[in-house]
Amino acid sequence: MPRRGYQQQLEDLRENVLYMSEVVLERLRMGLDALDQRDADLAWSVIEGDDEVNDLYLELEGDCIDLFALQQPVAGDLRFIAASFKIITDLERVADLATNLAEYSLEADREVFPDVDAQSIGTRAHDMVEAAMDAYAGNDADTSRTVADQDEELDQLCERASETVVRDLLERELDSGEDIEVLMTDVSRLLLTIRDLERVGDHAVNIAARTVYMVENDASLIY
């Protein structure tokens, strides 16, 4: 009976980690939509909902610590719990980045650099996290490696977007009534948006790397 209880705890942990990922992915999508639509109500929903993610994180952190301390897991179970512990940390940080996007949307009142498609970059980063969590759910090391391989392409998209912003800024001829301080604030906010989306991709890779470690005891993707 105690062993069955232990196995149920492991199953519950996986289900709860997956639930946390669903909440975080929803918040990330909402943050991107708020930025795209300049929707203040949606932005505040993301910002005010961050406490829920933090509470989930703390609850799952406690579950992992209890499993380490009380059950003394070994081999595959130990790797699973350790991977889950690290994954919830990455998910919590993705939620923080979603909150950043929501906050940027509250400050943005115009489209300054239409050549920069932040939504496309954001969707790609979102999909990487989703794929990484699907791989975790299915113990799928191959898909995890595919997610890791996609990071270089995301980094290149972010680099090109940042270069576009800087180039357009250097080439821009200011209108007589344009406020340079307002323009620089807009530039800074867009560059921060690109940086944060790149970081979302980094967290997706971290999640994928932990799944590879969990399934195959292979830590080569962990950095």
N, C-alpha and C. Protein backbone atom coordinates (compact mmCIF):
# COMPACT_ATOMS: atom_id res chain seq x y z
N MET A 1 0.81 -1.22 0.00
CA MET A 1 0.00 0.00 0.00
C MET A 1 0.85 1.27 0.00
N PRO A 2 1.89 1.38 0.86
CA PRO A 2 2.71 2.58 0.83
C PRO A 2 3.35 2.81 -0.53
N ARG A 3 3.79 1.71 -1.20
CA ARG A 3 4.42 1.88 -2.50
C ARG A 3 3.46 2.39 -3.54
N ARG A 4 2.21 1.91 -3.48
CA ARG A 4 1.21 2.42 -4.42
C ARG A 4 0.97 3.91 -4.16
N GLY A 5 1.00 4.29 -2.89
CA GLY A 5 0.85 5.71 -2.57
C GLY A 5 1.98 6.53 -3.14
N TYR A 6 3.18 6.00 -3.10
CA TYR A 6 4.34 6.69 -3.65
C TYR A 6 4.21 6.85 -5.16
N GLN A 7 3.80 5.79 -5.84
CA GLN A 7 3.61 5.87 -7.29
C GLN A 7 2.54 6.89 -7.65
N GLN A 8 1.49 6.97 -6.83
CA GLN A 8 0.44 7.96 -7.07
C GLN A 8 0.99 9.37 -6.90
N GLN A 9 1.87 9.56 -5.94
CA GLN A 9 2.51 10.87 -5.75
C GLN A 9 3.30 11.27 -6.99
N LEU A 10 4.00 10.32 -7.57
CA LEU A 10 4.76 10.61 -8.79
C LEU A 10 3.84 10.98 -9.95
N GLU A 11 2.75 10.24 -10.09
CA GLU A 11 1.79 10.55 -11.15
C GLU A 11 1.15 11.91 -10.93
N ASP A 12 0.83 12.21 -9.67
CA ASP A 12 0.23 13.51 -9.35
C ASP A 12 1.20 14.65 -9.65
N LEU A 13 2.48 14.41 -9.36
CA LEU A 13 3.47 15.45 -9.63
C LEU A 13 3.52 15.76 -11.12
N ARG A 14 3.55 14.73 -11.95
CA ARG A 14 3.59 14.97 -13.39
C ARG A 14 2.34 15.73 -13.84
N GLU A 15 1.17 15.30 -13.38
CA GLU A 15 -0.06 15.97 -13.78
C GLU A 15 -0.09 17.43 -13.33
N ASN A 16 0.42 17.70 -12.14
CA ASN A 16 0.41 19.06 -11.63
C ASN A 16 1.42 19.95 -12.35
N VAL A 17 2.56 19.37 -12.71
CA VAL A 17 3.52 20.13 -13.52
C VAL A 17 2.91 20.48 -14.87
N LEU A 18 2.21 19.52 -15.47
CA LEU A 18 1.56 19.78 -16.75
C LEU A 18 0.46 20.82 -16.61
N TYR A 19 -0.27 20.79 -15.50
CA TYR A 19 -1.29 21.82 -15.28
C TYR A 19 -0.63 23.19 -15.17
N MET A 20 0.46 23.28 -14.43
CA MET A 20 1.16 24.56 -14.32
C MET A 20 1.59 25.06 -15.69
N SER A 21 2.06 24.14 -16.53
CA SER A 21 2.49 24.56 -17.87
C SER A 21 1.32 25.10 -18.69
N GLU A 22 0.14 24.51 -18.53
CA GLU A 22 -1.03 25.01 -19.25
C GLU A 22 -1.37 26.43 -18.82
N VAL A 23 -1.29 26.68 -17.52
CA VAL A 23 -1.56 28.03 -17.01
C VAL A 23 -0.53 29.02 -17.56
N VAL A 24 0.74 28.62 -17.52
CA VAL A 24 1.81 29.51 -17.97
C VAL A 24 1.70 29.78 -19.47
N LEU A 25 1.43 28.75 -20.26
CA LEU A 25 1.28 28.95 -21.71
C LEU A 25 0.10 29.86 -22.03
N GLU A 26 -0.98 29.71 -21.27
CA GLU A 26 -2.12 30.60 -21.48
C GLU A 26 -1.73 32.04 -21.17
N ARG A 27 -0.98 32.25 -20.08
CA ARG A 27 -0.56 33.60 -19.71
C ARG A 27 0.39 34.18 -20.76
N LEU A 28 1.26 33.34 -21.30
CA LEU A 28 2.17 33.82 -22.34
C LEU A 28 1.40 34.23 -23.58
N ARG A 29 0.40 33.44 -23.96
CA ARG A 29 -0.41 33.79 -25.12
C ARG A 29 -1.18 35.09 -24.86
N MET A 30 -1.71 35.23 -23.66
CA MET A 30 -2.43 36.45 -23.30
C MET A 30 -1.50 37.66 -23.32
N GLY A 31 -0.27 37.49 -22.84
CA GLY A 31 0.69 38.58 -22.86
C GLY A 31 1.01 39.02 -24.28
N LEU A 32 1.18 38.05 -25.16
CA LEU A 32 1.43 38.37 -26.57
C LEU A 32 0.23 39.06 -27.20
N ASP A 33 -0.97 38.58 -26.89
CA ASP A 33 -2.18 39.20 -27.44
C ASP A 33 -2.36 40.62 -26.91
N ALA A 34 -2.07 40.81 -25.63
CA ALA A 34 -2.19 42.15 -25.04
C ALA A 34 -1.23 43.11 -25.73
N LEU A 35 -0.03 42.64 -26.03
CA LEU A 35 0.96 43.47 -26.70
C LEU A 35 0.53 43.79 -28.12
N ASP A 36 -0.03 42.81 -28.80
CA ASP A 36 -0.46 43.00 -30.18
C ASP A 36 -1.66 43.92 -30.29
N GLN A 37 -2.60 43.74 -29.36
CA GLN A 37 -3.87 44.47 -29.43
C GLN A 37 -3.89 45.73 -28.56
N ARG A 38 -2.81 45.90 -27.78
CA ARG A 38 -2.76 47.01 -26.81
C ARG A 38 -4.01 46.99 -25.93
N ASP A 39 -4.28 45.81 -25.40
CA ASP A 39 -5.48 45.56 -24.62
C ASP A 39 -5.12 45.63 -23.13
N ALA A 40 -5.51 46.73 -22.49
CA ALA A 40 -5.14 46.95 -21.09
C ALA A 40 -5.81 45.94 -20.16
N ASP A 41 -7.05 45.60 -20.44
CA ASP A 41 -7.75 44.63 -19.57
C ASP A 41 -7.06 43.28 -19.62
N LEU A 42 -6.67 42.86 -20.81
CA LEU A 42 -5.98 41.58 -20.96
C LEU A 42 -4.62 41.64 -20.26
N ALA A 43 -3.95 42.76 -20.42
CA ALA A 43 -2.64 42.92 -19.77
C ALA A 43 -2.76 42.81 -18.26
N TRP A 44 -3.74 43.45 -17.68
CA TRP A 44 -3.90 43.40 -16.24
C TRP A 44 -4.29 42.00 -15.77
N SER A 45 -4.99 41.25 -16.60
CA SER A 45 -5.31 39.86 -16.24
C SER A 45 -4.04 39.03 -16.09
N VAL A 46 -3.08 39.28 -16.98
CA VAL A 46 -1.80 38.56 -16.90
C VAL A 46 -1.02 38.99 -15.66
N ILE A 47 -0.94 40.30 -15.46
CA ILE A 47 -0.16 40.83 -14.34
C ILE A 47 -0.73 40.37 -13.01
N GLU A 48 -2.04 40.48 -12.86
CA GLU A 48 -2.67 40.10 -11.59
C GLU A 48 -2.70 38.59 -11.39
N GLY A 49 -2.60 37.83 -12.49
CA GLY A 49 -2.62 36.38 -12.38
C GLY A 49 -1.27 35.76 -12.06
N ASP A 50 -0.23 36.60 -11.97
CA ASP A 50 1.10 36.05 -11.72
C ASP A 50 1.19 35.40 -10.34
N ASP A 51 0.42 35.90 -9.38
CA ASP A 51 0.44 35.30 -8.04
C ASP A 51 -0.02 33.84 -8.08
N GLU A 52 -0.97 33.53 -8.96
CA GLU A 52 -1.44 32.15 -9.07
C GLU A 52 -0.30 31.23 -9.50
N VAL A 53 0.48 31.69 -10.47
CA VAL A 53 1.61 30.89 -10.94
C VAL A 53 2.64 30.72 -9.83
N ASN A 54 2.90 31.79 -9.10
CA ASN A 54 3.87 31.70 -8.00
C ASN A 54 3.40 30.71 -6.93
N ASP A 55 2.09 30.73 -6.66
CA ASP A 55 1.55 29.78 -5.67
C ASP A 55 1.68 28.34 -6.16
N LEU A 56 1.41 28.12 -7.45
CA LEU A 56 1.57 26.78 -8.01
C LEU A 56 3.02 26.32 -7.89
N TYR A 57 3.93 27.24 -8.20
CA TYR A 57 5.35 26.91 -8.12
C TYR A 57 5.74 26.49 -6.71
N LEU A 58 5.33 27.27 -5.73
CA LEU A 58 5.70 26.97 -4.35
C LEU A 58 5.10 25.64 -3.89
N GLU A 59 3.87 25.37 -4.31
CA GLU A 59 3.22 24.11 -3.93
C GLU A 59 3.97 22.92 -4.53
N LEU A 60 4.34 23.04 -5.80
CA LEU A 60 5.03 21.93 -6.45
C LEU A 60 6.47 21.79 -5.94
N GLU A 61 7.09 22.91 -5.62
CA GLU A 61 8.41 22.85 -5.01
C GLU A 61 8.35 22.05 -3.71
N GLY A 62 7.32 22.32 -2.92
CA GLY A 62 7.15 21.58 -1.68
C GLY A 62 6.93 20.10 -1.91
N ASP A 63 6.15 19.78 -2.95
CA ASP A 63 5.91 18.36 -3.28
C ASP A 63 7.22 17.66 -3.64
N CYS A 64 8.05 18.34 -4.43
CA CYS A 64 9.33 17.74 -4.84
C CYS A 64 10.24 17.53 -3.62
N ILE A 65 10.30 18.52 -2.76
CA ILE A 65 11.14 18.41 -1.56
C ILE A 65 10.66 17.26 -0.68
N ASP A 66 9.35 17.13 -0.54
CA ASP A 66 8.81 16.03 0.27
C ASP A 66 9.18 14.67 -0.32
N LEU A 67 9.10 14.57 -1.63
CA LEU A 67 9.45 13.30 -2.27
C LEU A 67 10.93 12.98 -2.08
N PHE A 68 11.78 14.00 -2.20
CA PHE A 68 13.21 13.79 -1.96
C PHE A 68 13.45 13.33 -0.52
N ALA A 69 12.83 14.04 0.41
CA ALA A 69 13.15 13.82 1.82
C ALA A 69 12.50 12.57 2.40
N LEU A 70 11.26 12.31 2.01
CA LEU A 70 10.50 11.25 2.66
C LEU A 70 10.57 9.92 1.93
N GLN A 71 10.75 9.96 0.62
CA GLN A 71 10.72 8.72 -0.16
C GLN A 71 12.10 8.23 -0.59
N GLN A 72 13.08 9.14 -0.55
CA GLN A 72 14.44 8.78 -0.94
C GLN A 72 14.48 8.04 -2.28
N PRO A 73 13.99 8.68 -3.33
CA PRO A 73 13.92 8.02 -4.64
C PRO A 73 15.31 7.73 -5.20
N VAL A 74 15.37 6.75 -6.08
CA VAL A 74 16.63 6.38 -6.73
C VAL A 74 16.38 6.22 -8.23
N ALA A 75 17.48 6.20 -8.97
CA ALA A 75 17.48 5.91 -10.41
C ALA A 75 16.47 6.78 -11.16
N GLY A 76 15.58 6.14 -11.94
CA GLY A 76 14.67 6.88 -12.80
C GLY A 76 13.74 7.81 -12.03
N ASP A 77 13.25 7.37 -10.87
CA ASP A 77 12.37 8.22 -10.08
C ASP A 77 13.09 9.47 -9.61
N LEU A 78 14.35 9.31 -9.22
CA LEU A 78 15.13 10.45 -8.77
C LEU A 78 15.31 11.46 -9.90
N ARG A 79 15.62 10.97 -11.09
CA ARG A 79 15.79 11.86 -12.24
C ARG A 79 14.47 12.56 -12.58
N PHE A 80 13.36 11.83 -12.51
CA PHE A 80 12.06 12.42 -12.80
C PHE A 80 11.74 13.56 -11.84
N ILE A 81 11.95 13.34 -10.57
CA ILE A 81 11.63 14.38 -9.58
C ILE A 81 12.57 15.57 -9.74
N ALA A 82 13.86 15.28 -9.94
CA ALA A 82 14.83 16.37 -10.13
C ALA A 82 14.50 17.18 -11.38
N ALA A 83 14.13 16.49 -12.47
CA ALA A 83 13.77 17.19 -13.71
C ALA A 83 12.52 18.03 -13.51
N SER A 84 11.53 17.48 -12.83
CA SER A 84 10.29 18.22 -12.58
C SER A 84 10.55 19.46 -11.76
N PHE A 85 11.42 19.32 -10.75
CA PHE A 85 11.78 20.45 -9.90
C PHE A 85 12.39 21.58 -10.73
N LYS A 86 13.29 21.24 -11.64
CA LYS A 86 13.92 22.26 -12.49
C LYS A 86 12.92 22.84 -13.49
N ILE A 87 12.04 22.00 -14.02
CA ILE A 87 11.09 22.45 -15.04
C ILE A 87 10.12 23.48 -14.47
N ILE A 88 9.64 23.27 -13.24
CA ILE A 88 8.71 24.26 -12.68
C ILE A 88 9.40 25.60 -12.47
N THR A 89 10.70 25.57 -12.23
CA THR A 89 11.44 26.83 -12.12
C THR A 89 11.45 27.56 -13.45
N ASP A 90 11.69 26.83 -14.54
CA ASP A 90 11.65 27.46 -15.86
C ASP A 90 10.25 27.96 -16.20
N LEU A 91 9.23 27.20 -15.84
CA LEU A 91 7.87 27.65 -16.11
C LEU A 91 7.55 28.93 -15.35
N GLU A 92 7.99 29.01 -14.11
CA GLU A 92 7.74 30.22 -13.32
C GLU A 92 8.40 31.42 -13.96
N ARG A 93 9.57 31.22 -14.52
CA ARG A 93 10.28 32.33 -15.16
C ARG A 93 9.63 32.72 -16.49
N VAL A 94 9.09 31.75 -17.21
CA VAL A 94 8.32 32.07 -18.43
C VAL A 94 7.11 32.93 -18.06
N ALA A 95 6.46 32.59 -16.96
CA ALA A 95 5.32 33.39 -16.51
C ALA A 95 5.75 34.81 -16.18
N ASP A 96 6.93 34.98 -15.58
CA ASP A 96 7.44 36.32 -15.31
C ASP A 96 7.66 37.09 -16.61
N LEU A 97 8.16 36.41 -17.63
CA LEU A 97 8.38 37.06 -18.92
C LEU A 97 7.05 37.43 -19.58
N ALA A 98 6.03 36.59 -19.40
CA ALA A 98 4.69 36.93 -19.90
C ALA A 98 4.18 38.19 -19.21
N THR A 99 4.45 38.30 -17.93
CA THR A 99 4.05 39.50 -17.19
C THR A 99 4.78 40.73 -17.74
N ASN A 100 6.07 40.56 -18.06
CA ASN A 100 6.80 41.67 -18.68
C ASN A 100 6.12 42.13 -19.96
N LEU A 101 5.73 41.18 -20.81
CA LEU A 101 5.06 41.53 -22.07
C LEU A 101 3.79 42.32 -21.80
N ALA A 102 3.03 41.88 -20.80
CA ALA A 102 1.80 42.58 -20.46
C ALA A 102 2.10 44.01 -20.01
N GLU A 103 3.14 44.17 -19.22
CA GLU A 103 3.51 45.51 -18.75
C GLU A 103 3.97 46.39 -19.90
N TYR A 104 4.71 45.82 -20.85
CA TYR A 104 5.12 46.60 -22.02
C TYR A 104 3.90 47.08 -22.79
N SER A 105 2.88 46.22 -22.88
CA SER A 105 1.69 46.59 -23.66
C SER A 105 0.96 47.78 -23.05
N LEU A 106 1.04 47.93 -21.73
CA LEU A 106 0.39 49.07 -21.08
C LEU A 106 1.07 50.39 -21.43
N GLU A 107 2.35 50.30 -21.78
CA GLU A 107 3.11 51.51 -22.10
C GLU A 107 3.10 51.83 -23.59
N ALA A 108 2.79 50.83 -24.42
CA ALA A 108 2.86 51.03 -25.87
C ALA A 108 1.55 51.60 -26.39
N ASP A 109 1.64 52.72 -27.11
CA ASP A 109 0.42 53.31 -27.67
C ASP A 109 0.53 53.52 -29.18
N ARG A 110 1.60 52.98 -29.77
CA ARG A 110 1.74 53.12 -31.22
C ARG A 110 2.69 52.05 -31.72
N GLU A 111 2.65 51.81 -33.02
CA GLU A 111 3.54 50.85 -33.65
C GLU A 111 4.69 51.64 -34.27
N VAL A 112 5.87 51.48 -33.71
CA VAL A 112 7.00 52.31 -34.12
C VAL A 112 7.82 51.66 -35.24
N PHE A 113 7.98 50.34 -35.18
CA PHE A 113 8.78 49.62 -36.17
C PHE A 113 7.96 48.48 -36.75
N PRO A 114 7.12 48.77 -37.73
CA PRO A 114 6.23 47.74 -38.28
C PRO A 114 6.98 46.59 -38.96
N ASP A 115 8.26 46.79 -39.30
CA ASP A 115 9.02 45.73 -39.94
C ASP A 115 9.41 44.61 -38.97
N VAL A 116 9.26 44.86 -37.68
CA VAL A 116 9.62 43.87 -36.67
C VAL A 116 8.36 43.11 -36.26
N ASP A 117 8.34 41.82 -36.55
CA ASP A 117 7.17 40.98 -36.28
C ASP A 117 7.37 40.26 -34.94
N ALA A 118 7.14 40.97 -33.85
CA ALA A 118 7.32 40.38 -32.53
C ALA A 118 6.32 39.26 -32.29
N GLN A 119 5.15 39.34 -32.88
CA GLN A 119 4.14 38.30 -32.68
C GLN A 119 4.60 36.97 -33.26
N SER A 120 5.22 37.00 -34.42
CA SER A 120 5.71 35.77 -35.03
C SER A 120 6.81 35.15 -34.17
N ILE A 121 7.70 35.98 -33.67
CA ILE A 121 8.76 35.49 -32.79
C ILE A 121 8.16 34.92 -31.51
N GLY A 122 7.18 35.64 -30.96
CA GLY A 122 6.54 35.19 -29.72
C GLY A 122 5.80 33.89 -29.89
N THR A 123 5.13 33.73 -31.01
CA THR A 123 4.42 32.48 -31.27
C THR A 123 5.39 31.31 -31.39
N ARG A 124 6.52 31.55 -32.02
CA ARG A 124 7.52 30.49 -32.16
C ARG A 124 8.05 30.09 -30.78
N ALA A 125 8.32 31.08 -29.93
CA ALA A 125 8.81 30.79 -28.58
C ALA A 125 7.75 30.04 -27.76
N HIS A 126 6.50 30.48 -27.87
CA HIS A 126 5.39 29.82 -27.19
C HIS A 126 5.30 28.35 -27.62
N ASP A 127 5.40 28.12 -28.92
CA ASP A 127 5.28 26.75 -29.45
C ASP A 127 6.43 25.87 -28.99
N MET A 128 7.60 26.46 -28.80
CA MET A 128 8.74 25.69 -28.29
C MET A 128 8.48 25.21 -26.86
N VAL A 129 7.95 26.10 -26.03
CA VAL A 129 7.62 25.70 -24.66
C VAL A 129 6.55 24.61 -24.68
N GLU A 130 5.54 24.78 -25.50
CA GLU A 130 4.46 23.80 -25.59
C GLU A 130 5.00 22.44 -26.03
N ALA A 131 5.86 22.43 -27.03
CA ALA A 131 6.43 21.17 -27.51
C ALA A 131 7.32 20.52 -26.45
N ALA A 132 8.06 21.36 -25.73
CA ALA A 132 8.92 20.82 -24.66
C ALA A 132 8.08 20.16 -23.57
N MET A 133 6.95 20.77 -23.23
CA MET A 133 6.09 20.18 -22.21
C MET A 133 5.39 18.93 -22.72
N ASP A 134 5.04 18.89 -23.99
CA ASP A 134 4.48 17.67 -24.57
C ASP A 134 5.50 16.53 -24.49
N ALA A 135 6.77 16.87 -24.72
CA ALA A 135 7.82 15.86 -24.64
C ALA A 135 7.97 15.36 -23.20
N TYR A 136 7.89 16.27 -22.25
CA TYR A 136 7.95 15.88 -20.84
C TYR A 136 6.78 14.94 -20.51
N ALA A 137 5.59 15.27 -20.98
CA ALA A 137 4.41 14.45 -20.71
C ALA A 137 4.56 13.05 -21.27
N GLY A 138 5.22 12.96 -22.43
CA GLY A 138 5.31 11.66 -23.10
C GLY A 138 6.65 10.98 -22.98
N ASN A 139 7.53 11.49 -22.11
CA ASN A 139 8.87 10.91 -21.98
C ASN A 139 9.57 10.80 -23.33
N ASP A 140 9.49 11.87 -24.10
CA ASP A 140 9.93 11.86 -25.49
C ASP A 140 11.24 12.63 -25.64
N ALA A 141 12.35 11.91 -25.60
CA ALA A 141 13.66 12.55 -25.70
C ALA A 141 13.92 13.09 -27.10
N ASP A 142 13.41 12.42 -28.14
CA ASP A 142 13.66 12.87 -29.51
C ASP A 142 13.03 14.23 -29.77
N THR A 143 11.78 14.40 -29.34
CA THR A 143 11.13 15.69 -29.51
C THR A 143 11.85 16.77 -28.70
N SER A 144 12.34 16.40 -27.54
CA SER A 144 13.09 17.35 -26.71
C SER A 144 14.32 17.85 -27.46
N ARG A 145 15.01 16.96 -28.13
CA ARG A 145 16.18 17.38 -28.90
C ARG A 145 15.78 18.28 -30.07
N THR A 146 14.63 18.01 -30.66
CA THR A 146 14.15 18.87 -31.74
C THR A 146 13.89 20.28 -31.23
N VAL A 147 13.30 20.39 -30.04
CA VAL A 147 13.08 21.71 -29.45
C VAL A 147 14.41 22.43 -29.24
N ALA A 148 15.39 21.72 -28.73
CA ALA A 148 16.70 22.33 -28.51
C ALA A 148 17.31 22.81 -29.82
N ASP A 149 17.12 22.04 -30.88
CA ASP A 149 17.66 22.42 -32.18
C ASP A 149 16.99 23.67 -32.73
N GLN A 150 15.75 23.94 -32.34
CA GLN A 150 15.02 25.11 -32.84
C GLN A 150 15.50 26.42 -32.22
N ASP A 151 16.27 26.32 -31.15
CA ASP A 151 16.65 27.53 -30.43
C ASP A 151 17.56 28.43 -31.26
N GLU A 152 18.44 27.83 -32.05
CA GLU A 152 19.34 28.64 -32.86
C GLU A 152 18.56 29.50 -33.84
N GLU A 153 17.52 28.93 -34.44
CA GLU A 153 16.70 29.69 -35.39
C GLU A 153 15.98 30.83 -34.68
N LEU A 154 15.46 30.57 -33.47
CA LEU A 154 14.80 31.63 -32.72
C LEU A 154 15.80 32.73 -32.38
N ASP A 155 17.00 32.35 -31.97
CA ASP A 155 18.03 33.35 -31.65
C ASP A 155 18.34 34.21 -32.87
N GLN A 156 18.39 33.59 -34.04
CA GLN A 156 18.67 34.35 -35.26
C GLN A 156 17.54 35.32 -35.58
N LEU A 157 16.30 34.88 -35.38
CA LEU A 157 15.16 35.78 -35.60
C LEU A 157 15.23 36.98 -34.66
N CYS A 158 15.57 36.72 -33.41
CA CYS A 158 15.67 37.81 -32.44
C CYS A 158 16.81 38.76 -32.78
N GLU A 159 17.92 38.19 -33.22
CA GLU A 159 19.07 39.02 -33.59
C GLU A 159 18.73 39.91 -34.78
N ARG A 160 18.07 39.33 -35.79
CA ARG A 160 17.70 40.12 -36.96
C ARG A 160 16.70 41.21 -36.60
N ALA A 161 15.76 40.88 -35.70
CA ALA A 161 14.78 41.88 -35.28
C ALA A 161 15.46 43.03 -34.56
N SER A 162 16.40 42.72 -33.68
CA SER A 162 17.12 43.78 -32.96
C SER A 162 17.93 44.63 -33.93
N GLU A 163 18.56 43.98 -34.90
CA GLU A 163 19.34 44.73 -35.88
C GLU A 163 18.44 45.64 -36.71
N THR A 164 17.22 45.17 -37.02
CA THR A 164 16.27 45.99 -37.77
C THR A 164 15.90 47.24 -36.99
N VAL A 165 15.65 47.07 -35.71
CA VAL A 165 15.30 48.22 -34.86
C VAL A 165 16.42 49.24 -34.87
N VAL A 166 17.65 48.79 -34.65
CA VAL A 166 18.78 49.71 -34.59
C VAL A 166 19.01 50.37 -35.94
N ARG A 167 18.94 49.59 -37.03
CA ARG A 167 19.16 50.16 -38.36
C ARG A 167 18.10 51.21 -38.70
N ASP A 168 16.83 50.87 -38.42
CA ASP A 168 15.77 51.82 -38.72
C ASP A 168 15.90 53.09 -37.88
N LEU A 169 16.36 52.92 -36.66
CA LEU A 169 16.55 54.09 -35.81
C LEU A 169 17.63 55.00 -36.38
N LEU A 170 18.73 54.41 -36.85
CA LEU A 170 19.82 55.20 -37.41
C LEU A 170 19.41 55.89 -38.71
N GLU A 171 18.54 55.24 -39.47
CA GLU A 171 18.14 55.78 -40.77
C GLU A 171 16.92 56.70 -40.67
N ARG A 172 16.30 56.72 -39.53
CA ARG A 172 15.06 57.48 -39.38
C ARG A 172 15.29 58.98 -39.47
N GLU A 173 14.43 59.65 -40.22
CA GLU A 173 14.42 61.11 -40.25
C GLU A 173 13.29 61.57 -39.36
N LEU A 174 13.64 62.22 -38.26
CA LEU A 174 12.64 62.61 -37.28
C LEU A 174 11.73 63.70 -37.83
N ASP A 175 10.43 63.51 -37.62
CA ASP A 175 9.50 64.58 -37.93
C ASP A 175 9.75 65.74 -36.99
N SER A 176 9.38 66.93 -37.43
CA SER A 176 9.66 68.12 -36.63
C SER A 176 9.01 68.04 -35.25
N GLY A 177 7.87 67.36 -35.18
CA GLY A 177 7.17 67.31 -33.90
C GLY A 177 7.45 66.08 -33.08
N GLU A 178 8.36 65.18 -33.56
CA GLU A 178 8.60 63.92 -32.87
C GLU A 178 9.52 64.13 -31.68
N ASP A 179 9.13 63.54 -30.58
CA ASP A 179 9.88 63.66 -29.33
C ASP A 179 10.93 62.54 -29.28
N ILE A 180 12.21 62.92 -29.27
CA ILE A 180 13.28 61.92 -29.29
C ILE A 180 13.26 61.05 -28.05
N GLU A 181 12.89 61.61 -26.91
CA GLU A 181 12.85 60.81 -25.68
C GLU A 181 11.75 59.75 -25.74
N VAL A 182 10.61 60.13 -26.30
CA VAL A 182 9.53 59.15 -26.46
C VAL A 182 9.95 58.05 -27.44
N LEU A 183 10.61 58.46 -28.52
CA LEU A 183 11.08 57.48 -29.50
C LEU A 183 12.06 56.50 -28.87
N MET A 184 13.00 57.00 -28.08
CA MET A 184 13.99 56.12 -27.46
C MET A 184 13.35 55.18 -26.44
N THR A 185 12.31 55.66 -25.76
CA THR A 185 11.58 54.78 -24.84
C THR A 185 10.90 53.65 -25.61
N ASP A 186 10.32 53.99 -26.76
CA ASP A 186 9.69 52.97 -27.60
C ASP A 186 10.71 51.95 -28.09
N VAL A 187 11.88 52.45 -28.48
CA VAL A 187 12.94 51.56 -28.97
C VAL A 187 13.38 50.61 -27.86
N SER A 188 13.61 51.18 -26.68
CA SER A 188 14.05 50.36 -25.54
C SER A 188 13.02 49.28 -25.22
N ARG A 189 11.74 49.64 -25.24
CA ARG A 189 10.69 48.67 -24.92
C ARG A 189 10.65 47.54 -25.96
N LEU A 190 10.82 47.87 -27.23
CA LEU A 190 10.79 46.84 -28.27
C LEU A 190 12.00 45.91 -28.14
N LEU A 191 13.16 46.48 -27.86
CA LEU A 191 14.35 45.64 -27.69
C LEU A 191 14.20 44.73 -26.47
N LEU A 192 13.59 45.23 -25.41
CA LEU A 192 13.34 44.39 -24.24
C LEU A 192 12.35 43.27 -24.57
N THR A 193 11.37 43.58 -25.39
CA THR A 193 10.40 42.56 -25.81
C THR A 193 11.11 41.44 -26.56
N ILE A 194 11.97 41.81 -27.50
CA ILE A 194 12.71 40.80 -28.27
C ILE A 194 13.60 39.97 -27.34
N ARG A 195 14.26 40.64 -26.41
CA ARG A 195 15.12 39.93 -25.46
C ARG A 195 14.33 38.92 -24.64
N ASP A 196 13.16 39.35 -24.17
CA ASP A 196 12.35 38.46 -23.33
C ASP A 196 11.83 37.27 -24.12
N LEU A 197 11.48 37.47 -25.37
CA LEU A 197 11.02 36.34 -26.19
C LEU A 197 12.16 35.36 -26.44
N GLU A 198 13.36 35.87 -26.62
CA GLU A 198 14.51 34.97 -26.75
C GLU A 198 14.71 34.15 -25.48
N ARG A 199 14.48 34.78 -24.34
CA ARG A 199 14.63 34.07 -23.05
C ARG A 199 13.55 33.00 -22.88
N VAL A 200 12.36 33.25 -23.39
CA VAL A 200 11.33 32.21 -23.36
C VAL A 200 11.84 30.97 -24.09
N GLY A 201 12.46 31.18 -25.25
CA GLY A 201 13.03 30.06 -25.98
C GLY A 201 14.11 29.34 -25.20
N ASP A 202 14.92 30.11 -24.48
CA ASP A 202 15.97 29.50 -23.64
C ASP A 202 15.36 28.60 -22.57
N HIS A 203 14.26 29.04 -21.98
CA HIS A 203 13.59 28.22 -20.96
C HIS A 203 12.98 26.96 -21.58
N ALA A 204 12.49 27.08 -22.82
CA ALA A 204 11.98 25.89 -23.51
C ALA A 204 13.09 24.86 -23.69
N VAL A 205 14.28 25.34 -24.04
CA VAL A 205 15.43 24.44 -24.20
C VAL A 205 15.80 23.81 -22.86
N ASN A 206 15.76 24.60 -21.79
CA ASN A 206 16.04 24.04 -20.47
C ASN A 206 15.07 22.90 -20.13
N ILE A 207 13.80 23.12 -20.42
CA ILE A 207 12.79 22.09 -20.15
C ILE A 207 13.08 20.84 -20.97
N ALA A 208 13.40 21.05 -22.25
CA ALA A 208 13.71 19.92 -23.13
C ALA A 208 14.93 19.16 -22.62
N ALA A 209 15.93 19.90 -22.18
CA ALA A 209 17.16 19.27 -21.69
C ALA A 209 16.89 18.42 -20.46
N ARG A 210 16.02 18.90 -19.58
CA ARG A 210 15.69 18.14 -18.37
C ARG A 210 14.93 16.86 -18.72
N THR A 211 14.12 16.92 -19.76
CA THR A 211 13.39 15.71 -20.17
C THR A 211 14.35 14.66 -20.73
N VAL A 212 15.32 15.10 -21.53
CA VAL A 212 16.32 14.16 -22.03
C VAL A 212 17.07 13.52 -20.87
N TYR A 213 17.43 14.33 -19.89
CA TYR A 213 18.10 13.80 -18.70
C TYR A 213 17.20 12.80 -17.97
N MET A 214 15.93 13.16 -17.83
CA MET A 214 14.98 12.32 -17.12
C MET A 214 14.80 10.97 -17.80
N VAL A 215 14.69 10.97 -19.12
CA VAL A 215 14.39 9.75 -19.86
C VAL A 215 15.62 8.90 -20.10
N GLU A 216 16.74 9.53 -20.45
CA GLU A 216 17.91 8.78 -20.91
C GLU A 216 19.12 8.93 -20.00
N ASN A 217 18.99 9.66 -18.91
CA ASN A 217 20.13 9.93 -18.03
C ASN A 217 21.26 10.57 -18.81
N ASP A 218 20.89 11.46 -19.72
CA ASP A 218 21.83 12.15 -20.60
C ASP A 218 21.77 13.64 -20.29
N ALA A 219 22.84 14.16 -19.72
CA ALA A 219 22.84 15.57 -19.30
C ALA A 219 23.55 16.47 -20.32
N SER A 220 23.75 16.00 -21.52
CA SER A 220 24.56 16.74 -22.50
C SER A 220 23.91 18.05 -22.93
N LEU A 221 22.58 18.17 -22.85
CA LEU A 221 21.91 19.41 -23.26
C LEU A 221 21.78 20.40 -22.11
N ILE A 222 22.11 19.99 -20.92
CA ILE A 222 21.97 20.87 -19.76
C ILE A 222 23.15 21.81 -19.70
N TYR A 223 22.85 23.10 -19.58
CA TYR A 223 23.94 24.08 -19.51
C TYR A 223 23.56 25.15 -18.52
